[in-house]
Amino acid sequence: MRIAVIEDNKSLAAGIAYRLRDQGHAVDVLHDGEDGNDHLAHEGADLVILDINLPGLNGLDVLRKLRARNDNTPVLLLTARSEVTDRVDGLDAGADDYLVKPFEMAELEARVRALSRRRGIDRPPVEPIGCLVFDPGARILRNNDDAVELTRRELAAFECLLHRRGRLVPKSVLADHIYGTGADVDEKIVEVHISRLRKKLDDCGIRIKAARGLGYLMEEET
């Protein structure tokens, strides 16, 4: 499942992303309301974890804009506010659930599972590309009936490129997706993962192009 975490507390956002990625989810992290709104409008998500107190555009406005686009993506609101009126405002704006800070990560994970079951997104549809089929629910990549053996980090790199197919993905974004936001990772390590991924996906009807010094782009061969 692809989850957008929109939270301006970078350490908290990194902690949430780490836990969710450890469970096999793809996680995009944004720290600003405007950036979060743009991401949801153009990239989308299967589920959103959204802080209310954000710079640029507050979480309730991000949520209202999401619903105004007739986007029914499940939203879990995070806030330090505990007053009943704040909870009501969030739910009235279109939130599906509400979690007050501070909270235990185990509770957040349980809320995410509950929302995914409620909206029937535990098993998203498979995604074909070239002669490959990716099952994001099981996190299995197949070539015909055979599973393609990828390491966990190679699979994370593939998933990141697949979700942005046809668009350039910066090395920094790949590093965040593979290792978690804020991880102290040399971008040359990303090059190693991509090199190994290319070899394993040779003759599968896809290309991973490199833009020197910028990043990578995945597309189907014509």
C-alpha atoms as a PDB file:
ATOM      1  CA  MET A   1       0.000   0.000   0.000  1.00  0.00           C
ATOM      2  CA  ARG A   2       1.233   3.495  -0.829  1.00  0.00           C
ATOM      3  CA  ILE A   3       0.934   5.860   2.118  1.00  0.00           C
ATOM      4  CA  ALA A   4       1.508   9.632   2.208  1.00  0.00           C
ATOM      5  CA  VAL A   5       2.741  10.970   5.561  1.00  0.00           C
ATOM      6  CA  ILE A   6       2.290  14.743   5.807  1.00  0.00           C
ATOM      7  CA  GLU A   7       3.883  15.829   9.088  1.00  0.00           C
ATOM      8  CA  ASP A   8       6.148  18.807   9.816  1.00  0.00           C
ATOM      9  CA  ASN A   9       7.886  17.131  12.771  1.00  0.00           C
ATOM     10  CA  LYS A  10      10.676  15.490  10.792  1.00  0.00           C
ATOM     11  CA  SER A  11      11.740  13.036  13.480  1.00  0.00           C
ATOM     12  CA  LEU A  12       8.156  11.861  13.999  1.00  0.00           C
ATOM     13  CA  ALA A  13       7.577  11.601  10.237  1.00  0.00           C
ATOM     14  CA  ALA A  14      10.773   9.577   9.868  1.00  0.00           C
ATOM     15  CA  GLY A  15       9.713   7.264  12.692  1.00  0.00           C
ATOM     16  CA  ILE A  16       6.288   6.675  11.152  1.00  0.00           C
ATOM     17  CA  ALA A  17       7.807   6.079   7.725  1.00  0.00           C
ATOM     18  CA  TYR A  18      10.333   3.616   9.149  1.00  0.00           C
ATOM     19  CA  ARG A  19       7.641   1.548  10.881  1.00  0.00           C
ATOM     20  CA  LEU A  20       5.348   1.499   7.856  1.00  0.00           C
ATOM     21  CA  ARG A  21       8.132   0.656   5.418  1.00  0.00           C
ATOM     22  CA  ASP A  22       9.203  -2.132   7.740  1.00  0.00           C
ATOM     23  CA  GLN A  23       5.729  -3.601   7.185  1.00  0.00           C
ATOM     24  CA  GLY A  24       6.214  -3.456   3.422  1.00  0.00           C
ATOM     25  CA  HIS A  25       4.363  -0.222   2.603  1.00  0.00           C
ATOM     26  CA  ALA A  26       5.648   2.419   0.200  1.00  0.00           C
ATOM     27  CA  VAL A  27       5.781   5.748   2.042  1.00  0.00           C
ATOM     28  CA  ASP A  28       6.059   9.311   0.714  1.00  0.00           C
ATOM     29  CA  VAL A  29       6.939  11.929   3.346  1.00  0.00           C
ATOM     30  CA  LEU A  30       6.019  15.613   3.063  1.00  0.00           C
ATOM     31  CA  HIS A  31       6.667  18.304   5.691  1.00  0.00           C
ATOM     32  CA  ASP A  32       4.577  21.199   4.365  1.00  0.00           C
ATOM     33  CA  GLY A  33       0.868  21.616   3.702  1.00  0.00           C
ATOM     34  CA  GLU A  34       1.326  23.094   0.238  1.00  0.00           C
ATOM     35  CA  ASP A  35       3.702  20.317  -0.779  1.00  0.00           C
ATOM     36  CA  GLY A  36       1.336  17.747   0.688  1.00  0.00           C
ATOM     37  CA  ASN A  37      -1.619  19.126  -1.230  1.00  0.00           C
ATOM     38  CA  ASP A  38       0.353  19.160  -4.505  1.00  0.00           C
ATOM     39  CA  HIS A  39       1.507  15.599  -3.914  1.00  0.00           C
ATOM     40  CA  LEU A  40      -2.010  14.322  -3.292  1.00  0.00           C
ATOM     41  CA  ALA A  41      -3.366  16.202  -6.301  1.00  0.00           C
ATOM     42  CA  HIS A  42      -0.753  14.885  -8.739  1.00  0.00           C
ATOM     43  CA  GLU A  43       0.681  11.676  -7.247  1.00  0.00           C
ATOM     44  CA  GLY A  44      -2.149  10.373  -5.071  1.00  0.00           C
ATOM     45  CA  ALA A  45      -1.963   7.755  -2.312  1.00  0.00           C
ATOM     46  CA  ASP A  46      -3.836   4.729  -0.985  1.00  0.00           C
ATOM     47  CA  LEU A  47      -3.960   6.245   2.508  1.00  0.00           C
ATOM     48  CA  VAL A  48      -2.957   9.589   4.053  1.00  0.00           C
ATOM     49  CA  ILE A  49      -1.571  10.263   7.529  1.00  0.00           C
ATOM     50  CA  LEU A  50      -2.060  13.994   7.963  1.00  0.00           C
ATOM     51  CA  ASP A  51      -0.986  16.376  10.704  1.00  0.00           C
ATOM     52  CA  ILE A  52      -3.317  19.327  11.380  1.00  0.00           C
ATOM     53  CA  ASN A  53      -0.687  21.921  12.366  1.00  0.00           C
ATOM     54  CA  LEU A  54       1.327  22.287   9.157  1.00  0.00           C
ATOM     55  CA  PRO A  55       3.239  25.232   7.694  1.00  0.00           C
ATOM     56  CA  GLY A  56       2.052  26.657   4.394  1.00  0.00           C
ATOM     57  CA  LEU A  57      -1.422  25.136   4.497  1.00  0.00           C
ATOM     58  CA  ASN A  58      -2.943  23.557   7.582  1.00  0.00           C
ATOM     59  CA  GLY A  59      -4.024  19.945   7.582  1.00  0.00           C
ATOM     60  CA  LEU A  60      -7.748  20.672   7.625  1.00  0.00           C
ATOM     61  CA  ASP A  61      -7.398  22.799   4.479  1.00  0.00           C
ATOM     62  CA  VAL A  62      -5.382  20.030   2.809  1.00  0.00           C
ATOM     63  CA  LEU A  63      -8.163  17.613   3.742  1.00  0.00           C
ATOM     64  CA  ARG A  64     -10.925  19.912   2.456  1.00  0.00           C
ATOM     65  CA  LYS A  65      -9.119  20.362  -0.866  1.00  0.00           C
ATOM     66  CA  LEU A  66      -8.714  16.581  -1.145  1.00  0.00           C
ATOM     67  CA  ARG A  67     -12.434  15.995  -0.623  1.00  0.00           C
ATOM     68  CA  ALA A  68     -13.339  18.878  -2.945  1.00  0.00           C
ATOM     69  CA  ARG A  69     -11.588  16.925  -5.708  1.00  0.00           C
ATOM     70  CA  ASN A  70     -13.969  14.026  -4.935  1.00  0.00           C
ATOM     71  CA  ASP A  71     -10.996  12.041  -3.693  1.00  0.00           C
ATOM     72  CA  ASN A  72     -12.147   9.492  -1.098  1.00  0.00           C
ATOM     73  CA  THR A  73      -8.676   8.337  -0.046  1.00  0.00           C
ATOM     74  CA  PRO A  74      -8.759   7.346   3.664  1.00  0.00           C
ATOM     75  CA  VAL A  75      -7.264  10.021   5.927  1.00  0.00           C
ATOM     76  CA  LEU A  76      -5.942   9.562   9.461  1.00  0.00           C
ATOM     77  CA  LEU A  77      -5.504  12.937  11.180  1.00  0.00           C
ATOM     78  CA  LEU A  78      -2.703  13.543  13.674  1.00  0.00           C
ATOM     79  CA  THR A  79      -2.789  16.444  16.101  1.00  0.00           C
ATOM     80  CA  ALA A  80      -1.595  17.597  19.496  1.00  0.00           C
ATOM     81  CA  ARG A  81      -5.050  18.996  20.136  1.00  0.00           C
ATOM     82  CA  SER A  82      -7.313  16.923  22.355  1.00  0.00           C
ATOM     83  CA  GLU A  83     -10.431  19.076  22.586  1.00  0.00           C
ATOM     84  CA  VAL A  84     -13.658  17.489  21.325  1.00  0.00           C
ATOM     85  CA  THR A  85     -14.354  20.468  19.028  1.00  0.00           C
ATOM     86  CA  ASP A  86     -11.074  19.901  17.190  1.00  0.00           C
ATOM     87  CA  ARG A  87     -11.929  16.245  16.653  1.00  0.00           C
ATOM     88  CA  VAL A  88     -15.365  17.191  15.364  1.00  0.00           C
ATOM     89  CA  ASP A  89     -13.865  19.775  12.977  1.00  0.00           C
ATOM     90  CA  GLY A  90     -11.507  17.140  11.593  1.00  0.00           C
ATOM     91  CA  LEU A  91     -14.218  14.546  11.095  1.00  0.00           C
ATOM     92  CA  ASP A  92     -16.560  17.121   9.568  1.00  0.00           C
ATOM     93  CA  ALA A  93     -13.821  18.093   7.109  1.00  0.00           C
ATOM     94  CA  GLY A  94     -13.774  14.500   5.883  1.00  0.00           C
ATOM     95  CA  ALA A  95     -11.262  12.625   8.054  1.00  0.00           C
ATOM     96  CA  ASP A  96     -11.821   8.892   8.523  1.00  0.00           C
ATOM     97  CA  ASP A  97     -10.049   8.626  11.871  1.00  0.00           C
ATOM     98  CA  TYR A  98      -8.269  10.784  14.430  1.00  0.00           C
ATOM     99  CA  LEU A  99      -5.188  10.149  16.577  1.00  0.00           C
ATOM    100  CA  VAL A 100      -4.025  12.527  19.317  1.00  0.00           C
ATOM    101  CA  LYS A 101      -0.309  13.042  19.990  1.00  0.00           C
ATOM    102  CA  PRO A 102       1.573  11.585  21.711  1.00  0.00           C
ATOM    103  CA  PHE A 103       0.637   8.087  20.594  1.00  0.00           C
ATOM    104  CA  GLU A 104       2.182   4.642  20.442  1.00  0.00           C
ATOM    105  CA  MET A 105       3.327   3.471  17.015  1.00  0.00           C
ATOM    106  CA  ALA A 106       1.497   0.185  17.565  1.00  0.00           C
ATOM    107  CA  GLU A 107      -1.785   2.105  17.805  1.00  0.00           C
ATOM    108  CA  LEU A 108      -1.063   4.044  14.618  1.00  0.00           C
ATOM    109  CA  GLU A 109      -0.295   0.774  12.819  1.00  0.00           C
ATOM    110  CA  ALA A 110      -3.584  -0.693  14.063  1.00  0.00           C
ATOM    111  CA  ARG A 111      -5.502   2.366  12.816  1.00  0.00           C
ATOM    112  CA  VAL A 112      -3.833   2.047   9.406  1.00  0.00           C
ATOM    113  CA  ARG A 113      -4.819  -1.629   9.208  1.00  0.00           C
ATOM    114  CA  ALA A 114      -8.390  -0.801  10.207  1.00  0.00           C
ATOM    115  CA  LEU A 115      -8.701   1.953   7.593  1.00  0.00           C
ATOM    116  CA  SER A 116      -7.280  -0.244   4.861  1.00  0.00           C
ATOM    117  CA  ARG A 117      -9.757  -3.026   5.704  1.00  0.00           C
ATOM    118  CA  ARG A 118     -12.645  -0.572   5.866  1.00  0.00           C
ATOM    119  CA  ARG A 119     -11.865   0.826   2.428  1.00  0.00           C
ATOM    120  CA  GLY A 120     -10.909  -2.520   0.923  1.00  0.00           C
ATOM    121  CA  ILE A 121      -7.381  -1.472   0.007  1.00  0.00           C
ATOM    122  CA  ASP A 122      -5.463  -4.264   1.712  1.00  0.00           C
ATOM    123  CA  ARG A 123      -5.063  -5.871  -1.705  1.00  0.00           C
ATOM    124  CA  PRO A 124      -4.540  -3.174  -4.345  1.00  0.00           C
ATOM    125  CA  PRO A 125      -4.733  -4.292  -7.978  1.00  0.00           C
ATOM    126  CA  VAL A 126      -1.670  -5.741  -9.669  1.00  0.00           C
ATOM    127  CA  GLU A 127       0.357  -3.398 -11.872  1.00  0.00           C
ATOM    128  CA  PRO A 128       1.682  -4.640 -15.229  1.00  0.00           C
ATOM    129  CA  ILE A 129       4.765  -3.128 -16.841  1.00  0.00           C
ATOM    130  CA  GLY A 130       6.572  -4.702 -19.776  1.00  0.00           C
ATOM    131  CA  CYS A 131       6.299  -8.468 -19.340  1.00  0.00           C
ATOM    132  CA  LEU A 132       6.267  -8.069 -15.542  1.00  0.00           C
ATOM    133  CA  VAL A 133       3.370  -7.964 -13.099  1.00  0.00           C
ATOM    134  CA  PHE A 134       3.791  -6.413  -9.672  1.00  0.00           C
ATOM    135  CA  ASP A 135       1.443  -7.419  -6.837  1.00  0.00           C
ATOM    136  CA  PRO A 136       1.752  -4.520  -4.346  1.00  0.00           C
ATOM    137  CA  GLY A 137      -0.342  -6.308  -1.732  1.00  0.00           C
ATOM    138  CA  ALA A 138       1.886  -9.383  -1.614  1.00  0.00           C
ATOM    139  CA  ARG A 139       4.917  -7.324  -2.729  1.00  0.00           C
ATOM    140  CA  ILE A 140       5.823  -9.931  -5.338  1.00  0.00           C
ATOM    141  CA  LEU A 141       7.160  -9.203  -8.815  1.00  0.00           C
ATOM    142  CA  ARG A 142       6.494 -11.875 -11.432  1.00  0.00           C
ATOM    143  CA  ASN A 143       7.747 -12.574 -14.927  1.00  0.00           C
ATOM    144  CA  ASN A 144       4.990 -14.777 -16.347  1.00  0.00           C
ATOM    145  CA  ASP A 145       4.477 -17.327 -13.536  1.00  0.00           C
ATOM    146  CA  ASP A 146       7.954 -17.018 -12.078  1.00  0.00           C
ATOM    147  CA  ALA A 147       8.738 -14.750  -9.139  1.00  0.00           C
ATOM    148  CA  VAL A 148      11.620 -12.345  -9.759  1.00  0.00           C
ATOM    149  CA  GLU A 149      14.025 -12.676  -6.846  1.00  0.00           C
ATOM    150  CA  LEU A 150      14.766  -9.173  -5.562  1.00  0.00           C
ATOM    151  CA  THR A 151      16.255  -8.094  -2.270  1.00  0.00           C
ATOM    152  CA  ARG A 152      14.089  -5.962  -0.018  1.00  0.00           C
ATOM    153  CA  ARG A 153      15.946  -2.798  -1.058  1.00  0.00           C
ATOM    154  CA  GLU A 154      15.893  -3.666  -4.750  1.00  0.00           C
ATOM    155  CA  LEU A 155      12.135  -4.185  -4.464  1.00  0.00           C
ATOM    156  CA  ALA A 156      11.758  -0.812  -2.723  1.00  0.00           C
ATOM    157  CA  ALA A 157      13.705   0.858  -5.542  1.00  0.00           C
ATOM    158  CA  PHE A 158      11.556  -0.887  -8.169  1.00  0.00           C
ATOM    159  CA  GLU A 159       8.355   0.133  -6.387  1.00  0.00           C
ATOM    160  CA  CYS A 160       9.468   3.764  -6.157  1.00  0.00           C
ATOM    161  CA  LEU A 161      10.306   3.900  -9.868  1.00  0.00           C
ATOM    162  CA  LEU A 162       7.107   2.062 -10.830  1.00  0.00           C
ATOM    163  CA  HIS A 163       4.874   4.498  -8.957  1.00  0.00           C
ATOM    164  CA  ARG A 164       6.528   7.345 -10.865  1.00  0.00           C
ATOM    165  CA  ARG A 165       6.903   5.572 -14.190  1.00  0.00           C
ATOM    166  CA  GLY A 166       7.737   7.913 -17.019  1.00  0.00           C
ATOM    167  CA  ARG A 167       9.012  10.586 -14.624  1.00  0.00           C
ATOM    168  CA  LEU A 168      12.502  11.329 -13.381  1.00  0.00           C
ATOM    169  CA  VAL A 169      13.025  10.179  -9.783  1.00  0.00           C
ATOM    170  CA  PRO A 170      15.881  11.986  -7.966  1.00  0.00           C
ATOM    171  CA  LYS A 171      18.463   9.836  -6.213  1.00  0.00           C
ATOM    172  CA  SER A 172      17.562  11.527  -2.930  1.00  0.00           C
ATOM    173  CA  VAL A 173      13.934  10.391  -3.276  1.00  0.00           C
ATOM    174  CA  LEU A 174      15.062   6.837  -4.003  1.00  0.00           C
ATOM    175  CA  ALA A 175      17.394   6.911  -0.998  1.00  0.00           C
ATOM    176  CA  ASP A 176      14.553   8.083   1.265  1.00  0.00           C
ATOM    177  CA  HIS A 177      12.248   5.387  -0.095  1.00  0.00           C
ATOM    178  CA  ILE A 178      14.816   2.616   0.296  1.00  0.00           C
ATOM    179  CA  TYR A 179      16.366   3.571   3.638  1.00  0.00           C
ATOM    180  CA  GLY A 180      13.884   5.983   5.226  1.00  0.00           C
ATOM    181  CA  THR A 181      13.734   9.752   5.367  1.00  0.00           C
ATOM    182  CA  GLY A 182      16.782  11.362   6.900  1.00  0.00           C
ATOM    183  CA  ALA A 183      18.990   8.265   6.682  1.00  0.00           C
ATOM    184  CA  ASP A 184      22.659   9.111   6.186  1.00  0.00           C
ATOM    185  CA  VAL A 185      23.128   7.238   2.920  1.00  0.00           C
ATOM    186  CA  ASP A 186      25.637   7.936   0.167  1.00  0.00           C
ATOM    187  CA  GLU A 187      23.720   8.290  -3.098  1.00  0.00           C
ATOM    188  CA  LYS A 188      26.326   6.031  -4.745  1.00  0.00           C
ATOM    189  CA  ILE A 189      24.687   3.155  -2.858  1.00  0.00           C
ATOM    190  CA  VAL A 190      21.476   3.933  -4.755  1.00  0.00           C
ATOM    191  CA  GLU A 191      23.466   3.518  -7.985  1.00  0.00           C
ATOM    192  CA  VAL A 192      24.520   0.041  -6.828  1.00  0.00           C
ATOM    193  CA  HIS A 193      20.913  -1.014  -6.142  1.00  0.00           C
ATOM    194  CA  ILE A 194      19.774   0.306  -9.536  1.00  0.00           C
ATOM    195  CA  SER A 195      22.634  -1.454 -11.325  1.00  0.00           C
ATOM    196  CA  ARG A 196      21.696  -4.784  -9.740  1.00  0.00           C
ATOM    197  CA  LEU A 197      18.011  -4.173 -10.449  1.00  0.00           C
ATOM    198  CA  ARG A 198      18.734  -3.524 -14.127  1.00  0.00           C
ATOM    199  CA  LYS A 199      20.596  -6.822 -14.440  1.00  0.00           C
ATOM    200  CA  LYS A 200      17.736  -8.774 -12.867  1.00  0.00           C
ATOM    201  CA  LEU A 201      15.136  -7.090 -15.092  1.00  0.00           C
ATOM    202  CA  ASP A 202      17.065  -7.463 -18.332  1.00  0.00           C
ATOM    203  CA  ASP A 203      14.836  -8.594 -21.240  1.00  0.00           C
ATOM    204  CA  CYS A 204      11.649  -7.874 -19.256  1.00  0.00           C
ATOM    205  CA  GLY A 205      10.348  -5.136 -21.536  1.00  0.00           C
ATOM    206  CA  ILE A 206      11.322  -2.177 -19.365  1.00  0.00           C
ATOM    207  CA  ARG A 207      14.165   0.333 -19.282  1.00  0.00           C
ATOM    208  CA  ILE A 208      15.640   2.215 -16.342  1.00  0.00           C
ATOM    209  CA  LYS A 209      17.286   5.312 -17.754  1.00  0.00           C
ATOM    210  CA  ALA A 210      19.862   7.385 -15.892  1.00  0.00           C
ATOM    211  CA  ALA A 211      20.040  11.170 -15.986  1.00  0.00           C
ATOM    212  CA  ARG A 212      23.617  11.848 -14.958  1.00  0.00           C
ATOM    213  CA  GLY A 213      23.788  13.516 -11.565  1.00  0.00           C
ATOM    214  CA  LEU A 214      19.990  13.721 -11.293  1.00  0.00           C
ATOM    215  CA  GLY A 215      18.243  10.364 -10.969  1.00  0.00           C
ATOM    216  CA  TYR A 216      16.472   7.586 -12.832  1.00  0.00           C
ATOM    217  CA  LEU A 217      13.369   7.026 -14.950  1.00  0.00           C
ATOM    218  CA  MET A 218      11.519   3.761 -15.584  1.00  0.00           C
ATOM    219  CA  GLU A 219       9.511   3.205 -18.749  1.00  0.00           C
ATOM    220  CA  GLU A 220       8.228   0.396 -20.921  1.00  0.00           C
ATOM    221  CA  GLU A 221      10.182  -0.448 -24.059  1.00  0.00           C
ATOM    222  CA  THR A 222       8.319   0.261 -27.271  1.00  0.00           C
END
